[in-house]
PDB file of all heavy atoms in Angstrom:
ATOM      1  N   ILE A   1      -0.111   4.570  -2.847  1.00  0.00           N
ATOM      2  CA  ILE A   1      -0.457   5.624  -1.902  1.00  0.00           C
ATOM      3  C   ILE A   1       0.498   5.666  -0.709  1.00  0.00           C
ATOM      4  O   ILE A   1       0.281   6.438   0.226  1.00  0.00           O
ATOM      5  CB  ILE A   1      -1.907   5.462  -1.403  1.00  0.00           C
ATOM      6  CG1 ILE A   1      -2.104   4.092  -0.720  1.00  0.00           C
ATOM      7  CG2 ILE A   1      -2.887   5.653  -2.548  1.00  0.00           C
ATOM      8  CD1 ILE A   1      -3.483   3.923  -0.088  1.00  0.00           C
ATOM      9  N   ALA A   2       1.567   4.894  -0.742  1.00  0.00           N
ATOM     10  CA  ALA A   2       2.420   4.770   0.439  1.00  0.00           C
ATOM     11  C   ALA A   2       3.077   6.078   0.845  1.00  0.00           C
ATOM     12  O   ALA A   2       3.379   6.281   2.022  1.00  0.00           O
ATOM     13  CB  ALA A   2       3.488   3.696   0.213  1.00  0.00           C
ATOM     14  N   SER A   3       3.317   6.977  -0.093  1.00  0.00           N
ATOM     15  CA  SER A   3       3.977   8.244   0.250  1.00  0.00           C
ATOM     16  C   SER A   3       3.017   9.429   0.267  1.00  0.00           C
ATOM     17  O   SER A   3       3.473  10.572   0.386  1.00  0.00           O
ATOM     18  CB  SER A   3       5.116   8.540  -0.743  1.00  0.00           C
ATOM     19  OG  SER A   3       4.608   9.066  -1.961  1.00  0.00           O
ATOM     20  N   LEU A   4       1.719   9.190   0.160  1.00  0.00           N
ATOM     21  CA  LEU A   4       0.772  10.299   0.000  1.00  0.00           C
ATOM     22  C   LEU A   4       0.256  10.785   1.350  1.00  0.00           C
ATOM     23  O   LEU A   4      -0.503  10.088   2.032  1.00  0.00           O
ATOM     24  CB  LEU A   4      -0.404   9.872  -0.874  1.00  0.00           C
ATOM     25  CG  LEU A   4      -0.074   9.342  -2.276  1.00  0.00           C
ATOM     26  CD1 LEU A   4      -1.357   9.156  -3.084  1.00  0.00           C
ATOM     27  CD2 LEU A   4       0.904  10.248  -3.011  1.00  0.00           C
ATOM     28  N   PRO A   5       0.642  11.994   1.769  1.00  0.00           N
ATOM     29  CA  PRO A   5       0.127  12.544   3.028  1.00  0.00           C
ATOM     30  C   PRO A   5      -1.398  12.631   2.996  1.00  0.00           C
ATOM     31  O   PRO A   5      -2.004  12.965   1.976  1.00  0.00           O
ATOM     32  CB  PRO A   5       0.763  13.938   3.092  1.00  0.00           C
ATOM     33  CG  PRO A   5       1.993  13.839   2.241  1.00  0.00           C
ATOM     34  CD  PRO A   5       1.621  12.903   1.129  1.00  0.00           C
ATOM     35  N   GLY A   6      -2.011  12.304   4.125  1.00  0.00           N
ATOM     36  CA  GLY A   6      -3.458  12.348   4.230  1.00  0.00           C
ATOM     37  C   GLY A   6      -4.150  11.059   3.874  1.00  0.00           C
ATOM     38  O   GLY A   6      -5.373  10.935   4.062  1.00  0.00           O
ATOM     39  N   ARG A   7      -3.395  10.085   3.367  1.00  0.00           N
ATOM     40  CA  ARG A   7      -3.988   8.806   2.962  1.00  0.00           C
ATOM     41  C   ARG A   7      -3.535   7.661   3.885  1.00  0.00           C
ATOM     42  O   ARG A   7      -3.623   6.498   3.519  1.00  0.00           O
ATOM     43  CB  ARG A   7      -3.601   8.498   1.513  1.00  0.00           C
ATOM     44  CG  ARG A   7      -3.924   9.585   0.499  1.00  0.00           C
ATOM     45  CD  ARG A   7      -5.397   9.608   0.128  1.00  0.00           C
ATOM     46  NE  ARG A   7      -5.757   8.461  -0.687  1.00  0.00           N
ATOM     47  CZ  ARG A   7      -5.612   8.402  -2.022  1.00  0.00           C
ATOM     48  NH1 ARG A   7      -5.085   9.428  -2.681  1.00  0.00           N
ATOM     49  NH2 ARG A   7      -5.998   7.333  -2.689  1.00  0.00           N
ATOM     50  N   GLU A   8      -3.049   8.003   5.062  1.00  0.00           N
ATOM     51  CA  GLU A   8      -2.462   6.997   5.945  1.00  0.00           C
ATOM     52  C   GLU A   8      -3.467   5.911   6.347  1.00  0.00           C
ATOM     53  O   GLU A   8      -3.124   4.725   6.379  1.00  0.00           O
ATOM     54  CB  GLU A   8      -1.867   7.656   7.190  1.00  0.00           C
ATOM     55  CG  GLU A   8      -0.629   8.482   6.918  1.00  0.00           C
ATOM     56  CD  GLU A   8      -0.933   9.922   6.508  1.00  0.00           C
ATOM     57  OE1 GLU A   8      -2.132  10.246   6.283  1.00  0.00           O
ATOM     58  OE2 GLU A   8       0.017  10.729   6.424  1.00  0.00           O
ATOM     59  N   ALA A   9      -4.680   6.290   6.672  1.00  0.00           N
ATOM     60  CA  ALA A   9      -5.674   5.298   7.087  1.00  0.00           C
ATOM     61  C   ALA A   9      -5.982   4.343   5.942  1.00  0.00           C
ATOM     62  O   ALA A   9      -6.089   3.123   6.141  1.00  0.00           O
ATOM     63  CB  ALA A   9      -6.943   5.994   7.577  1.00  0.00           C
ATOM     64  N   GLU A  10      -6.103   4.891   4.740  1.00  0.00           N
ATOM     65  CA  GLU A  10      -6.352   4.047   3.566  1.00  0.00           C
ATOM     66  C   GLU A  10      -5.173   3.112   3.330  1.00  0.00           C
ATOM     67  O   GLU A  10      -5.353   1.934   2.986  1.00  0.00           O
ATOM     68  CB  GLU A  10      -6.584   4.928   2.344  1.00  0.00           C
ATOM     69  CG  GLU A  10      -6.907   4.169   1.078  1.00  0.00           C
ATOM     70  CD  GLU A  10      -7.089   5.081  -0.126  1.00  0.00           C
ATOM     71  OE1 GLU A  10      -7.152   6.310   0.051  1.00  0.00           O
ATOM     72  OE2 GLU A  10      -7.162   4.543  -1.254  1.00  0.00           O
ATOM     73  N   PHE A  11      -3.960   3.621   3.516  1.00  0.00           N
ATOM     74  CA  PHE A  11      -2.794   2.761   3.339  1.00  0.00           C
ATOM     75  C   PHE A  11      -2.809   1.619   4.346  1.00  0.00           C
ATOM     76  O   PHE A  11      -2.538   0.461   3.992  1.00  0.00           O
ATOM     77  CB  PHE A  11      -1.501   3.564   3.471  1.00  0.00           C
ATOM     78  CG  PHE A  11      -0.277   2.707   3.331  1.00  0.00           C
ATOM     79  CD1 PHE A  11       0.168   2.314   2.081  1.00  0.00           C
ATOM     80  CD2 PHE A  11       0.413   2.268   4.454  1.00  0.00           C
ATOM     81  CE1 PHE A  11       1.278   1.491   1.942  1.00  0.00           C
ATOM     82  CE2 PHE A  11       1.522   1.451   4.328  1.00  0.00           C
ATOM     83  CZ  PHE A  11       1.956   1.060   3.072  1.00  0.00           C
ATOM     84  N   ARG A  12      -3.114   1.898   5.583  1.00  0.00           N
ATOM     85  CA  ARG A  12      -3.128   0.838   6.591  1.00  0.00           C
ATOM     86  C   ARG A  12      -4.165  -0.223   6.246  1.00  0.00           C
ATOM     87  O   ARG A  12      -3.910  -1.422   6.395  1.00  0.00           O
ATOM     88  CB  ARG A  12      -3.370   1.443   7.976  1.00  0.00           C
ATOM     89  CG  ARG A  12      -2.185   2.270   8.472  1.00  0.00           C
ATOM     90  CD  ARG A  12      -2.394   2.825   9.866  1.00  0.00           C
ATOM     91  NE  ARG A  12      -1.185   3.524  10.294  1.00  0.00           N
ATOM     92  CZ  ARG A  12      -0.654   3.459  11.511  1.00  0.00           C
ATOM     93  NH1 ARG A  12      -1.246   2.709  12.434  1.00  0.00           N
ATOM     94  NH2 ARG A  12       0.438   4.106  11.802  1.00  0.00           N
ATOM     95  N   ASP A  13      -5.324   0.216   5.763  1.00  0.00           N
ATOM     96  CA  ASP A  13      -6.333  -0.750   5.322  1.00  0.00           C
ATOM     97  C   ASP A  13      -5.815  -1.591   4.159  1.00  0.00           C
ATOM     98  O   ASP A  13      -6.094  -2.790   4.070  1.00  0.00           O
ATOM     99  CB  ASP A  13      -7.611  -0.027   4.904  1.00  0.00           C
ATOM    100  CG  ASP A  13      -8.377   0.557   6.084  1.00  0.00           C
ATOM    101  OD1 ASP A  13      -8.099   0.166   7.239  1.00  0.00           O
ATOM    102  OD2 ASP A  13      -9.256   1.421   5.850  1.00  0.00           O
ATOM    103  N   SER A  14      -5.056  -0.957   3.265  1.00  0.00           N
ATOM    104  CA  SER A  14      -4.530  -1.686   2.114  1.00  0.00           C
ATOM    105  C   SER A  14      -3.507  -2.735   2.539  1.00  0.00           C
ATOM    106  O   SER A  14      -3.402  -3.802   1.915  1.00  0.00           O
ATOM    107  CB  SER A  14      -3.913  -0.711   1.093  1.00  0.00           C
ATOM    108  OG  SER A  14      -2.600  -0.303   1.466  1.00  0.00           O
ATOM    109  N   VAL A  15      -2.748  -2.444   3.586  1.00  0.00           N
ATOM    110  CA  VAL A  15      -1.793  -3.425   4.112  1.00  0.00           C
ATOM    111  C   VAL A  15      -2.538  -4.640   4.645  1.00  0.00           C
ATOM    112  O   VAL A  15      -2.176  -5.798   4.357  1.00  0.00           O
ATOM    113  CB  VAL A  15      -0.922  -2.792   5.212  1.00  0.00           C
ATOM    114  CG1 VAL A  15      -0.088  -3.855   5.918  1.00  0.00           C
ATOM    115  CG2 VAL A  15      -0.022  -1.715   4.618  1.00  0.00           C
ATOM    116  N   VAL A  16      -3.586  -4.400   5.402  1.00  0.00           N
ATOM    117  CA  VAL A  16      -4.382  -5.495   5.958  1.00  0.00           C
ATOM    118  C   VAL A  16      -4.956  -6.364   4.842  1.00  0.00           C
ATOM    119  O   VAL A  16      -4.911  -7.596   4.895  1.00  0.00           O
ATOM    120  CB  VAL A  16      -5.501  -4.943   6.860  1.00  0.00           C
ATOM    121  CG1 VAL A  16      -6.460  -6.052   7.284  1.00  0.00           C
ATOM    122  CG2 VAL A  16      -4.905  -4.252   8.076  1.00  0.00           C
ATOM    123  N   GLU A  17      -5.496  -5.709   3.808  1.00  0.00           N
ATOM    124  CA  GLU A  17      -6.090  -6.459   2.695  1.00  0.00           C
ATOM    125  C   GLU A  17      -5.034  -7.264   1.937  1.00  0.00           C
ATOM    126  O   GLU A  17      -5.235  -8.435   1.605  1.00  0.00           O
ATOM    127  CB  GLU A  17      -6.806  -5.496   1.744  1.00  0.00           C
ATOM    128  CG  GLU A  17      -7.453  -6.145   0.533  1.00  0.00           C
ATOM    129  CD  GLU A  17      -8.702  -6.948   0.874  1.00  0.00           C
ATOM    130  OE1 GLU A  17      -8.930  -7.269   2.055  1.00  0.00           O
ATOM    131  OE2 GLU A  17      -9.443  -7.266  -0.070  1.00  0.00           O
ATOM    132  N   ALA A  18      -3.890  -6.659   1.662  1.00  0.00           N
ATOM    133  CA  ALA A  18      -2.832  -7.366   0.943  1.00  0.00           C
ATOM    134  C   ALA A  18      -2.326  -8.561   1.733  1.00  0.00           C
ATOM    135  O   ALA A  18      -2.098  -9.645   1.167  1.00  0.00           O
ATOM    136  CB  ALA A  18      -1.686  -6.406   0.629  1.00  0.00           C
ATOM    137  N   LEU A  19      -2.162  -8.402   3.027  1.00  0.00           N
ATOM    138  CA  LEU A  19      -1.663  -9.512   3.832  1.00  0.00           C
ATOM    139  C   LEU A  19      -2.705 -10.627   3.957  1.00  0.00           C
ATOM    140  O   LEU A  19      -2.347 -11.808   4.068  1.00  0.00           O
ATOM    141  CB  LEU A  19      -1.234  -9.015   5.204  1.00  0.00           C
ATOM    142  CG  LEU A  19       0.008  -8.110   5.204  1.00  0.00           C
ATOM    143  CD1 LEU A  19       0.299  -7.598   6.607  1.00  0.00           C
ATOM    144  CD2 LEU A  19       1.224  -8.840   4.628  1.00  0.00           C
ATOM    145  N   ARG A  20      -3.964 -10.266   3.911  1.00  0.00           N
ATOM    146  CA  ARG A  20      -5.012 -11.297   3.885  1.00  0.00           C
ATOM    147  C   ARG A  20      -4.868 -12.166   2.643  1.00  0.00           C
ATOM    148  O   ARG A  20      -4.916 -13.403   2.715  1.00  0.00           O
ATOM    149  CB  ARG A  20      -6.396 -10.636   3.926  1.00  0.00           C
ATOM    150  CG  ARG A  20      -7.548 -11.625   3.932  1.00  0.00           C
ATOM    151  CD  ARG A  20      -8.872 -10.896   4.124  1.00  0.00           C
ATOM    152  NE  ARG A  20      -9.311 -10.205   2.930  1.00  0.00           N
ATOM    153  CZ  ARG A  20     -10.094 -10.768   1.980  1.00  0.00           C
ATOM    154  NH1 ARG A  20     -10.463 -12.034   2.070  1.00  0.00           N
ATOM    155  NH2 ARG A  20     -10.473 -10.051   0.936  1.00  0.00           N
ATOM    156  N   TYR A  21      -4.648 -11.541   1.506  1.00  0.00           N
ATOM    157  CA  TYR A  21      -4.437 -12.299   0.274  1.00  0.00           C
ATOM    158  C   TYR A  21      -3.120 -13.060   0.330  1.00  0.00           C
ATOM    159  O   TYR A  21      -3.035 -14.212  -0.120  1.00  0.00           O
ATOM    160  CB  TYR A  21      -4.444 -11.359  -0.935  1.00  0.00           C
ATOM    161  CG  TYR A  21      -5.804 -11.150  -1.539  1.00  0.00           C
ATOM    162  CD1 TYR A  21      -6.711 -10.245  -0.993  1.00  0.00           C
ATOM    163  CD2 TYR A  21      -6.202 -11.854  -2.675  1.00  0.00           C
ATOM    164  CE1 TYR A  21      -7.959 -10.044  -1.552  1.00  0.00           C
ATOM    165  CE2 TYR A  21      -7.449 -11.670  -3.249  1.00  0.00           C
ATOM    166  CZ  TYR A  21      -8.329 -10.756  -2.681  1.00  0.00           C
ATOM    167  OH  TYR A  21      -9.568 -10.577  -3.240  1.00  0.00           O
ATOM    168  N   ALA A  22      -2.070 -12.436   0.848  1.00  0.00           N
ATOM    169  CA  ALA A  22      -0.770 -13.095   0.898  1.00  0.00           C
ATOM    170  C   ALA A  22      -0.834 -14.381   1.711  1.00  0.00           C
ATOM    171  O   ALA A  22      -0.247 -15.415   1.329  1.00  0.00           O
ATOM    172  CB  ALA A  22       0.278 -12.152   1.475  1.00  0.00           C
ATOM    173  N   GLU A  23      -1.539 -14.338   2.829  1.00  0.00           N
ATOM    174  CA  GLU A  23      -1.660 -15.549   3.633  1.00  0.00           C
ATOM    175  C   GLU A  23      -2.484 -16.609   2.917  1.00  0.00           C
ATOM    176  O   GLU A  23      -2.127 -17.794   2.923  1.00  0.00           O
ATOM    177  CB  GLU A  23      -2.280 -15.204   4.983  1.00  0.00           C
ATOM    178  CG  GLU A  23      -1.354 -14.394   5.887  1.00  0.00           C
ATOM    179  CD  GLU A  23      -1.816 -14.381   7.322  1.00  0.00           C
ATOM    180  OE1 GLU A  23      -1.651 -15.412   7.996  1.00  0.00           O
ATOM    181  OE2 GLU A  23      -2.333 -13.340   7.751  1.00  0.00           O
ATOM    182  N   ALA A  24      -3.568 -16.201   2.267  1.00  0.00           N
ATOM    183  CA  ALA A  24      -4.412 -17.168   1.565  1.00  0.00           C
ATOM    184  C   ALA A  24      -3.680 -17.824   0.403  1.00  0.00           C
ATOM    185  O   ALA A  24      -3.918 -18.999   0.082  1.00  0.00           O
ATOM    186  CB  ALA A  24      -5.680 -16.468   1.062  1.00  0.00           C
ATOM    187  N   LEU A  25      -2.778 -17.071  -0.242  1.00  0.00           N
ATOM    188  CA  LEU A  25      -2.072 -17.573  -1.420  1.00  0.00           C
ATOM    189  C   LEU A  25      -0.665 -18.061  -1.092  1.00  0.00           C
ATOM    190  O   LEU A  25       0.080 -18.433  -2.002  1.00  0.00           O
ATOM    191  CB  LEU A  25      -2.003 -16.473  -2.483  1.00  0.00           C
ATOM    192  CG  LEU A  25      -3.348 -15.900  -2.943  1.00  0.00           C
ATOM    193  CD1 LEU A  25      -3.136 -14.782  -3.946  1.00  0.00           C
ATOM    194  CD2 LEU A  25      -4.238 -16.989  -3.512  1.00  0.00           C
ATOM    195  N   ASP A  26      -0.297 -18.049   0.175  1.00  0.00           N
ATOM    196  CA  ASP A  26       1.049 -18.429   0.620  1.00  0.00           C
ATOM    197  C   ASP A  26       2.106 -17.648  -0.148  1.00  0.00           C
ATOM    198  O   ASP A  26       3.116 -18.185  -0.600  1.00  0.00           O
ATOM    199  CB  ASP A  26       1.272 -19.941   0.458  1.00  0.00           C
ATOM    200  CG  ASP A  26       2.490 -20.423   1.245  1.00  0.00           C
ATOM    201  OD1 ASP A  26       2.873 -19.747   2.207  1.00  0.00           O
ATOM    202  OD2 ASP A  26       3.052 -21.473   0.870  1.00  0.00           O
ATOM    203  N   CYS A  27       1.854 -16.354  -0.307  1.00  0.00           N
ATOM    204  CA  CYS A  27       2.767 -15.468  -1.041  1.00  0.00           C
ATOM    205  C   CYS A  27       3.701 -14.808  -0.038  1.00  0.00           C
ATOM    206  O   CYS A  27       3.240 -14.143   0.900  1.00  0.00           O
ATOM    207  CB  CYS A  27       1.975 -14.406  -1.805  1.00  0.00           C
ATOM    208  SG  CYS A  27       2.995 -13.289  -2.793  1.00  0.00           S
ATOM    209  N   PRO A  28       5.010 -14.943  -0.210  1.00  0.00           N
ATOM    210  CA  PRO A  28       5.946 -14.479   0.819  1.00  0.00           C
ATOM    211  C   PRO A  28       6.228 -12.990   0.833  1.00  0.00           C
ATOM    212  O   PRO A  28       6.825 -12.490   1.784  1.00  0.00           O
ATOM    213  CB  PRO A  28       7.229 -15.251   0.490  1.00  0.00           C
ATOM    214  CG  PRO A  28       7.150 -15.494  -0.983  1.00  0.00           C
ATOM    215  CD  PRO A  28       5.694 -15.698  -1.283  1.00  0.00           C
ATOM    216  N   ARG A  29       5.817 -12.264  -0.228  1.00  0.00           N
ATOM    217  CA  ARG A  29       6.189 -10.852  -0.300  1.00  0.00           C
ATOM    218  C   ARG A  29       5.142 -10.043  -1.056  1.00  0.00           C
ATOM    219  O   ARG A  29       4.469 -10.559  -1.963  1.00  0.00           O
ATOM    220  CB  ARG A  29       7.555 -10.689  -0.972  1.00  0.00           C
ATOM    221  CG  ARG A  29       7.619 -11.189  -2.392  1.00  0.00           C
ATOM    222  CD  ARG A  29       9.033 -11.300  -2.928  1.00  0.00           C
ATOM    223  NE  ARG A  29       9.818 -12.282  -2.187  1.00  0.00           N
ATOM    224  CZ  ARG A  29       9.748 -13.601  -2.428  1.00  0.00           C
ATOM    225  NH1 ARG A  29       8.942 -14.078  -3.361  1.00  0.00           N
ATOM    226  NH2 ARG A  29      10.489 -14.437  -1.724  1.00  0.00           N
ATOM    227  N   VAL A  30       5.015  -8.775  -0.671  1.00  0.00           N
ATOM    228  CA  VAL A  30       4.106  -7.845  -1.341  1.00  0.00           C
ATOM    229  C   VAL A  30       4.867  -6.552  -1.589  1.00  0.00           C
ATOM    230  O   VAL A  30       5.783  -6.195  -0.840  1.00  0.00           O
ATOM    231  CB  VAL A  30       2.831  -7.579  -0.515  1.00  0.00           C
ATOM    232  CG1 VAL A  30       1.980  -8.827  -0.411  1.00  0.00           C
ATOM    233  CG2 VAL A  30       3.174  -7.037   0.882  1.00  0.00           C
ATOM    234  N   HIS A  31       4.475  -5.857  -2.637  1.00  0.00           N
ATOM    235  CA  HIS A  31       5.139  -4.614  -3.027  1.00  0.00           C
ATOM    236  C   HIS A  31       4.228  -3.432  -2.710  1.00  0.00           C
ATOM    237  O   HIS A  31       3.062  -3.405  -3.130  1.00  0.00           O
ATOM    238  CB  HIS A  31       5.452  -4.657  -4.536  1.00  0.00           C
ATOM    239  CG  HIS A  31       5.895  -3.349  -5.107  1.00  0.00           C
ATOM    240  ND1 HIS A  31       5.511  -2.925  -6.360  1.00  0.00           N
ATOM    241  CD2 HIS A  31       6.670  -2.356  -4.604  1.00  0.00           C
ATOM    242  CE1 HIS A  31       6.042  -1.734  -6.605  1.00  0.00           C
ATOM    243  NE2 HIS A  31       6.745  -1.370  -5.556  1.00  0.00           N
ATOM    244  N   ALA A  32       4.769  -2.452  -2.008  1.00  0.00           N
ATOM    245  CA  ALA A  32       4.033  -1.229  -1.678  1.00  0.00           C
ATOM    246  C   ALA A  32       4.439  -0.123  -2.641  1.00  0.00           C
ATOM    247  O   ALA A  32       5.534   0.429  -2.536  1.00  0.00           O
ATOM    248  CB  ALA A  32       4.313  -0.811  -0.237  1.00  0.00           C
ATOM    249  N   MET A  33       3.561   0.229  -3.573  1.00  0.00           N
ATOM    250  CA  MET A  33       3.858   1.290  -4.520  1.00  0.00           C
ATOM    251  C   MET A  33       3.820   2.646  -3.820  1.00  0.00           C
ATOM    252  O   MET A  33       2.956   2.923  -2.987  1.00  0.00           O
ATOM    253  CB  MET A  33       2.875   1.265  -5.686  1.00  0.00           C
ATOM    254  CG  MET A  33       2.961  -0.001  -6.534  1.00  0.00           C
ATOM    255  SD  MET A  33       1.944   0.096  -8.038  1.00  0.00           S
ATOM    256  CE  MET A  33       2.944   1.228  -9.031  1.00  0.00           C
ATOM    257  N   ALA A  34       4.770   3.507  -4.189  1.00  0.00           N
ATOM    258  CA  ALA A  34       4.980   4.755  -3.452  1.00  0.00           C
ATOM    259  C   ALA A  34       3.958   5.826  -3.781  1.00  0.00           C
ATOM    260  O   ALA A  34       3.537   6.586  -2.904  1.00  0.00           O
ATOM    261  CB  ALA A  34       6.385   5.289  -3.745  1.00  0.00           C
ATOM    262  N   GLY A  35       3.583   5.933  -5.048  1.00  0.00           N
ATOM    263  CA  GLY A  35       2.681   6.996  -5.459  1.00  0.00           C
ATOM    264  C   GLY A  35       3.390   8.067  -6.284  1.00  0.00           C
ATOM    265  O   GLY A  35       4.613   8.106  -6.381  1.00  0.00           O
ATOM    266  N   VAL A  36       2.592   8.952  -6.857  1.00  0.00           N
ATOM    267  CA  VAL A  36       3.062   9.971  -7.794  1.00  0.00           C
ATOM    268  C   VAL A  36       2.951  11.353  -7.166  1.00  0.00           C
ATOM    269  O   VAL A  36       1.949  11.683  -6.527  1.00  0.00           O
ATOM    270  CB  VAL A  36       2.240   9.903  -9.094  1.00  0.00           C
ATOM    271  CG1 VAL A  36       2.633  11.021 -10.048  1.00  0.00           C
ATOM    272  CG2 VAL A  36       2.423   8.545  -9.767  1.00  0.00           C
ATOM    273  N   LEU A  37       3.986  12.166  -7.362  1.00  0.00           N
ATOM    274  CA  LEU A  37       3.987  13.561  -6.918  1.00  0.00           C
ATOM    275  C   LEU A  37       3.510  14.467  -8.048  1.00  0.00           C
ATOM    276  O   LEU A  37       3.675  14.149  -9.227  1.00  0.00           O
ATOM    277  CB  LEU A  37       5.391  14.001  -6.511  1.00  0.00           C
ATOM    278  CG  LEU A  37       5.874  13.676  -5.110  1.00  0.00           C
ATOM    279  CD1 LEU A  37       6.139  12.196  -4.964  1.00  0.00           C
ATOM    280  CD2 LEU A  37       7.126  14.471  -4.779  1.00  0.00           C
ATOM    281  N   ALA A  38       2.964  15.606  -7.676  1.00  0.00           N
ATOM    282  CA  ALA A  38       2.615  16.615  -8.670  1.00  0.00           C
ATOM    283  C   ALA A  38       3.892  17.147  -9.320  1.00  0.00           C
ATOM    284  O   ALA A  38       4.944  17.219  -8.678  1.00  0.00           O
ATOM    285  CB  ALA A  38       1.862  17.762  -8.011  1.00  0.00           C
ATOM    286  N   PRO A  39       3.828  17.527 -10.598  1.00  0.00           N
ATOM    287  CA  PRO A  39       5.030  18.008 -11.296  1.00  0.00           C
ATOM    288  C   PRO A  39       5.682  19.218 -10.628  1.00  0.00           C
ATOM    289  O   PRO A  39       6.895  19.406 -10.745  1.00  0.00           O
ATOM    290  CB  PRO A  39       4.498  18.367 -12.689  1.00  0.00           C
ATOM    291  CG  PRO A  39       3.240  17.586 -12.847  1.00  0.00           C
ATOM    292  CD  PRO A  39       2.650  17.464 -11.476  1.00  0.00           C
ATOM    293  N   ASP A  40       4.903  20.025  -9.941  1.00  0.00           N
ATOM    294  CA  ASP A  40       5.441  21.239  -9.328  1.00  0.00           C
ATOM    295  C   ASP A  40       5.736  21.063  -7.835  1.00  0.00           C
ATOM    296  O   ASP A  40       5.841  22.045  -7.097  1.00  0.00           O
ATOM    297  CB  ASP A  40       4.479  22.406  -9.524  1.00  0.00           C
ATOM    298  CG  ASP A  40       3.094  22.137  -8.935  1.00  0.00           C
ATOM    299  OD1 ASP A  40       2.827  20.981  -8.531  1.00  0.00           O
ATOM    300  OD2 ASP A  40       2.274  23.082  -8.892  1.00  0.00           O
ATOM    301  N   ALA A  41       5.876  19.833  -7.383  1.00  0.00           N
ATOM    302  CA  ALA A  41       6.118  19.577  -5.961  1.00  0.00           C
ATOM    303  C   ALA A  41       7.397  20.274  -5.499  1.00  0.00           C
ATOM    304  O   ALA A  41       8.462  20.104  -6.104  1.00  0.00           O
ATOM    305  CB  ALA A  41       6.208  18.083  -5.705  1.00  0.00           C
TER     306      ALA A  41
END
């Protein structure tokens, strides 16, 4: 959802959740998937 307009609040929540897991698992990196555009964009 990283590139999806209108989903910014959800994305920010997802960052918080991912970093919570990253710290618990001592994981140094996380990948932010961009999202899919409509075919007629």
